[in-house]
Protein backbone atom coordinates (compact mmCIF):
# COMPACT_ATOMS: atom_id res chain seq x y z
CA UNK A 1 0.00 0.00 0.00
CA UNK A 2 1.33 3.46 -0.90
CA UNK A 3 1.42 6.58 1.27
CA UNK A 4 -1.34 8.14 -0.84
CA UNK A 5 -3.55 5.07 -0.41
CA UNK A 6 -2.93 5.01 3.35
CA UNK A 7 -3.74 8.70 3.72
CA UNK A 8 -6.95 8.28 1.75
CA UNK A 9 -7.90 5.27 3.87
CA UNK A 10 -7.35 7.22 7.11
CA UNK A 11 -9.27 10.21 5.72
CA UNK A 12 -12.28 8.11 4.74
CA UNK A 13 -12.28 6.24 8.07
CA UNK A 14 -12.39 9.61 9.85
CA UNK A 15 -15.29 10.72 7.66
CA UNK A 16 -13.46 13.81 6.44
CA UNK A 17 -13.26 15.38 3.03
CA UNK A 18 -9.86 16.34 1.65
CA UNK A 19 -10.13 19.97 2.75
CA UNK A 20 -10.89 18.99 6.35
CA UNK A 21 -8.15 16.37 6.38
CA UNK A 22 -5.36 18.65 5.16
CA UNK A 23 -6.50 21.77 7.08
CA UNK A 24 -4.62 24.19 4.82
CA UNK A 25 -1.29 22.37 5.23
CA UNK A 26 -1.04 21.84 1.47
CA UNK A 27 -3.40 22.83 -1.33
CA UNK A 28 -6.34 20.57 -2.01
CA UNK A 29 -5.34 20.08 -5.65
CA UNK A 30 -1.83 19.03 -4.61
CA UNK A 31 -3.16 16.68 -1.93
CA UNK A 32 -5.58 15.09 -4.40
CA UNK A 33 -2.62 14.23 -6.59
CA UNK A 34 -0.79 12.77 -3.57
CA UNK A 35 -3.72 10.41 -2.96
CA UNK A 36 -3.61 9.41 -6.63
CA UNK A 37 0.19 8.90 -6.48
CA UNK A 38 0.80 11.61 -9.07
CA UNK A 39 2.81 13.77 -6.64
CA UNK A 40 4.97 12.86 -3.67
CA UNK A 41 4.44 14.56 -0.34
CA UNK A 42 7.33 15.95 1.69
CA UNK A 43 8.09 14.35 5.04
CA UNK A 44 7.41 17.68 6.77
CA UNK A 45 3.94 18.06 5.23
CA UNK A 46 3.16 14.40 5.86
CA UNK A 47 4.02 14.76 9.56
CA UNK A 48 1.86 17.90 9.84
CA UNK A 49 -1.13 16.11 8.30
CA UNK A 50 -0.64 13.05 10.53
CA UNK A 51 -0.37 15.19 13.67
CA UNK A 52 -3.40 17.28 12.69
CA UNK A 53 -5.50 14.15 12.34
CA UNK A 54 -4.19 12.29 15.39
CA UNK A 55 -2.58 9.56 13.32
CA UNK A 56 0.47 7.98 14.97
CA UNK A 57 3.69 8.12 13.02
PDB file of N, CA and C in Angstrom:
ATOM      1  N   UNK A   1       0.852  -1.179   0.000  1.00  0.00           N
ATOM      2  CA  UNK A   1       0.000   0.000   0.000  1.00  0.00           C
ATOM      3  C   UNK A   1       0.894   1.238   0.000  1.00  0.00           C
ATOM      4  N   UNK A   2       0.531   2.238  -0.779  1.00  0.00           N
ATOM      5  CA  UNK A   2       1.327   3.460  -0.900  1.00  0.00           C
ATOM      6  C   UNK A   2       0.912   4.488   0.161  1.00  0.00           C
ATOM      7  N   UNK A   3       1.737   5.517   0.315  1.00  0.00           N
ATOM      8  CA  UNK A   3       1.417   6.585   1.268  1.00  0.00           C
ATOM      9  C   UNK A   3       0.098   7.248   0.890  1.00  0.00           C
ATOM     10  N   UNK A   4      -0.090   7.513  -0.392  1.00  0.00           N
ATOM     11  CA  UNK A   4      -1.340   8.140  -0.840  1.00  0.00           C
ATOM     12  C   UNK A   4      -2.557   7.289  -0.510  1.00  0.00           C
ATOM     13  N   UNK A   5      -2.437   5.982  -0.717  1.00  0.00           N
ATOM     14  CA  UNK A   5      -3.550   5.075  -0.406  1.00  0.00           C
ATOM     15  C   UNK A   5      -3.815   5.028   1.092  1.00  0.00           C
ATOM     16  N   UNK A   6      -2.759   5.025   1.893  1.00  0.00           N
ATOM     17  CA  UNK A   6      -2.926   5.012   3.346  1.00  0.00           C
ATOM     18  C   UNK A   6      -3.585   6.288   3.844  1.00  0.00           C
ATOM     19  N   UNK A   7      -3.139   7.432   3.316  1.00  0.00           N
ATOM     20  CA  UNK A   7      -3.743   8.699   3.724  1.00  0.00           C
ATOM     21  C   UNK A   7      -5.219   8.743   3.363  1.00  0.00           C
ATOM     22  N   UNK A   8      -5.546   8.295   2.174  1.00  0.00           N
ATOM     23  CA  UNK A   8      -6.951   8.280   1.745  1.00  0.00           C
ATOM     24  C   UNK A   8      -7.769   7.358   2.646  1.00  0.00           C
ATOM     25  N   UNK A   9      -7.222   6.208   2.989  1.00  0.00           N
ATOM     26  CA  UNK A   9      -7.901   5.268   3.870  1.00  0.00           C
ATOM     27  C   UNK A   9      -8.180   5.899   5.233  1.00  0.00           C
ATOM     28  N   UNK A  10      -7.167   6.535   5.823  1.00  0.00           N
ATOM     29  CA  UNK A  10      -7.351   7.216   7.111  1.00  0.00           C
ATOM     30  C   UNK A  10      -8.392   8.325   6.989  1.00  0.00           C
ATOM     31  N   UNK A  11      -8.336   9.104   5.912  1.00  0.00           N
ATOM     32  CA  UNK A  11      -9.273  10.211   5.722  1.00  0.00           C
ATOM     33  C   UNK A  11     -10.704   9.704   5.647  1.00  0.00           C
ATOM     34  N   UNK A  12     -10.926   8.657   4.891  1.00  0.00           N
ATOM     35  CA  UNK A  12     -12.277   8.108   4.739  1.00  0.00           C
ATOM     36  C   UNK A  12     -12.767   7.516   6.052  1.00  0.00           C
ATOM     37  N   UNK A  13     -11.894   6.809   6.767  1.00  0.00           N
ATOM     38  CA  UNK A  13     -12.281   6.235   8.067  1.00  0.00           C
ATOM     39  C   UNK A  13     -12.672   7.310   9.065  1.00  0.00           C
ATOM     40  N   UNK A  14     -12.055   8.504   8.952  1.00  0.00           N
ATOM     41  CA  UNK A  14     -12.391   9.608   9.850  1.00  0.00           C
ATOM     42  C   UNK A  14     -13.609  10.392   9.365  1.00  0.00           C
ATOM     43  N   UNK A  15     -14.114  10.053   8.195  1.00  0.00           N
ATOM     44  CA  UNK A  15     -15.294  10.725   7.659  1.00  0.00           C
ATOM     45  C   UNK A  15     -15.042  12.164   7.253  1.00  0.00           C
ATOM     46  N   UNK A  16     -13.814  12.446   6.814  1.00  0.00           N
ATOM     47  CA  UNK A  16     -13.459  13.811   6.439  1.00  0.00           C
ATOM     48  C   UNK A  16     -13.306  13.923   4.927  1.00  0.00           C
ATOM     49  N   UNK A  17     -13.585  15.128   4.427  1.00  0.00           N
ATOM     50  CA  UNK A  17     -13.264  15.384   3.033  1.00  0.00           C
ATOM     51  C   UNK A  17     -11.803  15.833   2.976  1.00  0.00           C
ATOM     52  N   UNK A  18     -11.279  15.998   1.778  1.00  0.00           N
ATOM     53  CA  UNK A  18      -9.860  16.341   1.650  1.00  0.00           C
ATOM     54  C   UNK A  18      -9.530  17.665   2.324  1.00  0.00           C
ATOM     55  N   UNK A  19     -10.381  18.646   2.172  1.00  0.00           N
ATOM     56  CA  UNK A  19     -10.132  19.975   2.754  1.00  0.00           C
ATOM     57  C   UNK A  19     -10.044  19.899   4.276  1.00  0.00           C
ATOM     58  N   UNK A  20     -10.925  19.144   4.896  1.00  0.00           N
ATOM     59  CA  UNK A  20     -10.887  18.991   6.355  1.00  0.00           C
ATOM     60  C   UNK A  20      -9.642  18.222   6.788  1.00  0.00           C
ATOM     61  N   UNK A  21      -9.274  17.230   6.021  1.00  0.00           N
ATOM     62  CA  UNK A  21      -8.149  16.370   6.376  1.00  0.00           C
ATOM     63  C   UNK A  21      -6.814  17.106   6.308  1.00  0.00           C
ATOM     64  N   UNK A  22      -6.650  17.978   5.314  1.00  0.00           N
ATOM     65  CA  UNK A  22      -5.363  18.654   5.156  1.00  0.00           C
ATOM     66  C   UNK A  22      -5.294  19.984   5.888  1.00  0.00           C
ATOM     67  N   UNK A  23      -6.429  20.561   6.258  1.00  0.00           N
ATOM     68  CA  UNK A  23      -6.502  21.775   7.082  1.00  0.00           C
ATOM     69  C   UNK A  23      -5.561  22.891   6.626  1.00  0.00           C
ATOM     70  N   UNK A  24      -5.449  23.104   5.325  1.00  0.00           N
ATOM     71  CA  UNK A  24      -4.618  24.191   4.820  1.00  0.00           C
ATOM     72  C   UNK A  24      -3.118  23.921   4.846  1.00  0.00           C
ATOM     73  N   UNK A  25      -2.714  22.717   5.176  1.00  0.00           N
ATOM     74  CA  UNK A  25      -1.285  22.372   5.234  1.00  0.00           C
ATOM     75  C   UNK A  25      -0.691  22.373   3.828  1.00  0.00           C
ATOM     76  N   UNK A  26      -1.398  21.795   2.895  1.00  0.00           N
ATOM     77  CA  UNK A  26      -1.040  21.836   1.473  1.00  0.00           C
ATOM     78  C   UNK A  26      -2.318  22.176   0.713  1.00  0.00           C
ATOM     79  N   UNK A  27      -2.195  22.517  -0.563  1.00  0.00           N
ATOM     80  CA  UNK A  27      -3.403  22.833  -1.330  1.00  0.00           C
ATOM     81  C   UNK A  27      -4.195  21.556  -1.599  1.00  0.00           C
ATOM     82  N   UNK A  28      -5.489  21.725  -1.768  1.00  0.00           N
ATOM     83  CA  UNK A  28      -6.337  20.566  -2.010  1.00  0.00           C
ATOM     84  C   UNK A  28      -5.991  19.892  -3.340  1.00  0.00           C
ATOM     85  N   UNK A  29      -5.680  20.680  -4.355  1.00  0.00           N
ATOM     86  CA  UNK A  29      -5.344  20.080  -5.648  1.00  0.00           C
ATOM     87  C   UNK A  29      -4.055  19.271  -5.548  1.00  0.00           C
ATOM     88  N   UNK A  30      -3.080  19.766  -4.805  1.00  0.00           N
ATOM     89  CA  UNK A  30      -1.832  19.028  -4.612  1.00  0.00           C
ATOM     90  C   UNK A  30      -2.104  17.738  -3.844  1.00  0.00           C
ATOM     91  N   UNK A  31      -2.879  17.851  -2.754  1.00  0.00           N
ATOM     92  CA  UNK A  31      -3.161  16.676  -1.932  1.00  0.00           C
ATOM     93  C   UNK A  31      -3.926  15.613  -2.721  1.00  0.00           C
ATOM     94  N   UNK A  32      -4.840  16.038  -3.564  1.00  0.00           N
ATOM     95  CA  UNK A  32      -5.583  15.094  -4.398  1.00  0.00           C
ATOM     96  C   UNK A  32      -4.633  14.272  -5.254  1.00  0.00           C
ATOM     97  N   UNK A  33      -3.606  14.927  -5.766  1.00  0.00           N
ATOM     98  CA  UNK A  33      -2.615  14.230  -6.588  1.00  0.00           C
ATOM     99  C   UNK A  33      -1.731  13.319  -5.741  1.00  0.00           C
ATOM    100  N   UNK A  34      -1.538  13.656  -4.474  1.00  0.00           N
ATOM    101  CA  UNK A  34      -0.792  12.774  -3.567  1.00  0.00           C
ATOM    102  C   UNK A  34      -1.580  11.479  -3.371  1.00  0.00           C
ATOM    103  N   UNK A  35      -2.882  11.597  -3.133  1.00  0.00           N
ATOM    104  CA  UNK A  35      -3.718  10.408  -2.956  1.00  0.00           C
ATOM    105  C   UNK A  35      -3.715   9.534  -4.208  1.00  0.00           C
ATOM    106  N   UNK A  36      -3.609  10.152  -5.369  1.00  0.00           N
ATOM    107  CA  UNK A  36      -3.615   9.410  -6.633  1.00  0.00           C
ATOM    108  C   UNK A  36      -2.214   8.972  -7.051  1.00  0.00           C
ATOM    109  N   UNK A  37      -1.214   9.251  -6.206  1.00  0.00           N
ATOM    110  CA  UNK A  37       0.188   8.896  -6.477  1.00  0.00           C
ATOM    111  C   UNK A  37       0.756   9.604  -7.703  1.00  0.00           C
ATOM    112  N   UNK A  38       0.257  10.804  -7.988  1.00  0.00           N
ATOM    113  CA  UNK A  38       0.803  11.611  -9.075  1.00  0.00           C
ATOM    114  C   UNK A  38       1.946  12.470  -8.542  1.00  0.00           C
ATOM    115  N   UNK A  39       1.783  12.970  -7.303  1.00  0.00           N
ATOM    116  CA  UNK A  39       2.814  13.768  -6.636  1.00  0.00           C
ATOM    117  C   UNK A  39       3.249  13.064  -5.366  1.00  0.00           C
ATOM    118  N   UNK A  40       4.468  13.336  -4.958  1.00  0.00           N
ATOM    119  CA  UNK A  40       4.969  12.857  -3.670  1.00  0.00           C
ATOM    120  C   UNK A  40       4.803  13.966  -2.648  1.00  0.00           C
ATOM    121  N   UNK A  41       4.585  13.588  -1.411  1.00  0.00           N
ATOM    122  CA  UNK A  41       4.439  14.563  -0.341  1.00  0.00           C
ATOM    123  C   UNK A  41       5.749  14.629   0.431  1.00  0.00           C
ATOM    124  N   UNK A  42       6.101  15.817   0.905  1.00  0.00           N
ATOM    125  CA  UNK A  42       7.327  15.949   1.690  1.00  0.00           C
ATOM    126  C   UNK A  42       7.105  15.343   3.070  1.00  0.00           C
ATOM    127  N   UNK A  43       8.185  14.930   3.689  1.00  0.00           N
ATOM    128  CA  UNK A  43       8.095  14.349   5.037  1.00  0.00           C
ATOM    129  C   UNK A  43       7.517  15.368   6.006  1.00  0.00           C
ATOM    130  N   UNK A  44       7.902  16.623   5.876  1.00  0.00           N
ATOM    131  CA  UNK A  44       7.414  17.678   6.770  1.00  0.00           C
ATOM    132  C   UNK A  44       5.894  17.833   6.656  1.00  0.00           C
ATOM    133  N   UNK A  45       5.389  17.920   5.433  1.00  0.00           N
ATOM    134  CA  UNK A  45       3.941  18.062   5.234  1.00  0.00           C
ATOM    135  C   UNK A  45       3.196  16.805   5.677  1.00  0.00           C
ATOM    136  N   UNK A  46       3.779  15.651   5.425  1.00  0.00           N
ATOM    137  CA  UNK A  46       3.160  14.400   5.860  1.00  0.00           C
ATOM    138  C   UNK A  46       3.019  14.374   7.378  1.00  0.00           C
ATOM    139  N   UNK A  47       4.070  14.743   8.096  1.00  0.00           N
ATOM    140  CA  UNK A  47       4.023  14.761   9.563  1.00  0.00           C
ATOM    141  C   UNK A  47       2.982  15.751  10.075  1.00  0.00           C
ATOM    142  N   UNK A  48       2.867  16.907   9.431  1.00  0.00           N
ATOM    143  CA  UNK A  48       1.864  17.898   9.837  1.00  0.00           C
ATOM    144  C   UNK A  48       0.450  17.339   9.672  1.00  0.00           C
ATOM    145  N   UNK A  49       0.199  16.671   8.551  1.00  0.00           N
ATOM    146  CA  UNK A  49      -1.130  16.108   8.302  1.00  0.00           C
ATOM    147  C   UNK A  49      -1.420  14.988   9.299  1.00  0.00           C
ATOM    148  N   UNK A  50      -0.435  14.127   9.551  1.00  0.00           N
ATOM    149  CA  UNK A  50      -0.637  13.047  10.531  1.00  0.00           C
ATOM    150  C   UNK A  50      -0.930  13.609  11.902  1.00  0.00           C
ATOM    151  N   UNK A  51      -0.147  14.601  12.341  1.00  0.00           N
ATOM    152  CA  UNK A  51      -0.369  15.189  13.668  1.00  0.00           C
ATOM    153  C   UNK A  51      -1.726  15.875  13.754  1.00  0.00           C
ATOM    154  N   UNK A  52      -2.108  16.589  12.702  1.00  0.00           N
ATOM    155  CA  UNK A  52      -3.404  17.284  12.693  1.00  0.00           C
ATOM    156  C   UNK A  52      -4.569  16.310  12.859  1.00  0.00           C
ATOM    157  N   UNK A  53      -4.417  15.124  12.313  1.00  0.00           N
ATOM    158  CA  UNK A  53      -5.505  14.145  12.338  1.00  0.00           C
ATOM    159  C   UNK A  53      -5.344  13.073  13.427  1.00  0.00           C
ATOM    160  N   UNK A  54      -4.368  13.236  14.293  1.00  0.00           N
ATOM    161  CA  UNK A  54      -4.189  12.294  15.394  1.00  0.00           C
ATOM    162  C   UNK A  54      -3.773  10.908  14.948  1.00  0.00           C
ATOM    163  N   UNK A  55      -3.023  10.842  13.863  1.00  0.00           N
ATOM    164  CA  UNK A  55      -2.580   9.556  13.324  1.00  0.00           C
ATOM    165  C   UNK A  55      -1.142   9.330  13.803  1.00  0.00           C
ATOM    166  N   UNK A  56      -0.894   8.223  14.482  1.00  0.00           N
ATOM    167  CA  UNK A  56       0.466   7.984  14.972  1.00  0.00           C
ATOM    168  C   UNK A  56       1.450   7.760  13.829  1.00  0.00           C
ATOM    169  N   UNK A  57       2.646   8.278  14.034  1.00  0.00           N
ATOM    170  CA  UNK A  57       3.691   8.121  13.017  1.00  0.00           C
ATOM    171  C   UNK A  57       4.144   6.692  13.008  1.00  0.00           C
TER     172      UNK A  57
END
